[in-house]
Amino acid sequence: MRITISIYFLLLLFAGCRESISLPKPRAYPRVEYPEKKYITYDTAGCPFTFEYPSYAKVGYKEQDCWFDLFVDDFQARIHCSYLPIENQEDFDDLVKDAYVIADRINARANYMEDSRMQNNHGVNGVIMEWSGPAASNMHFFLTDTTHHFFKGALYFNAKVQPDSLAPIAEFIKDDIKYMISSFRWKSNKE
């Protein structure tokens, strides 16, 4: 009996001395199903512009002419879009200044901001602003002819800012916004 108890005690001692190895869990994100890239033409009477937007987005109008949101329900995102006519140089300067005031507010929380001037193949000029980190928005842009038209847009998510988990979705939508910008054109006065 003593030998059995001694053997049992030695087995317990050896089993207890074994080093346990813990492995960190691999980093994972929820699986996201991305829709197919197809585009619809936005061409509304009364608005002096046209562009192509993603087919998975829904247009929701606001009270003011040519102000609308493109809702991306699958990603809880929206692209705020607004158009403002330019009456004079002071209007244009104020609109550009307002765009940068908003950008500075967002930049206060972001890790990094990049802004770049652009011109598409239709002669539309503008500025694209992109943020990384815990910013309220991932992207803003404005398009203008500097004399008559000013169009601005901003990407927002209806979710708590979590840059790591939102980054792939934000990049997917930002690519579509860049496509929108490349297809954007001002209507001529004859149309």
Foldseek 3Di string as FASTA:
>chain_A
DVVVVVVVVVVVVVVVPDDDDDDDDDDDADDADDDDFDWDKDDDPPDQKIFIFGPQWDWADDPDPQWIWTANPSQQKIKTKHKDWDDDLVSLVVVVVVVVVVVVVQVVQFPDKDKDWDAAPQGKIKMKIATADQGQFGIKMWIDPSHTIIMIITMGHPDHRDRVRCVVVNVVNVVRVVNRVNGMHGHDPVD
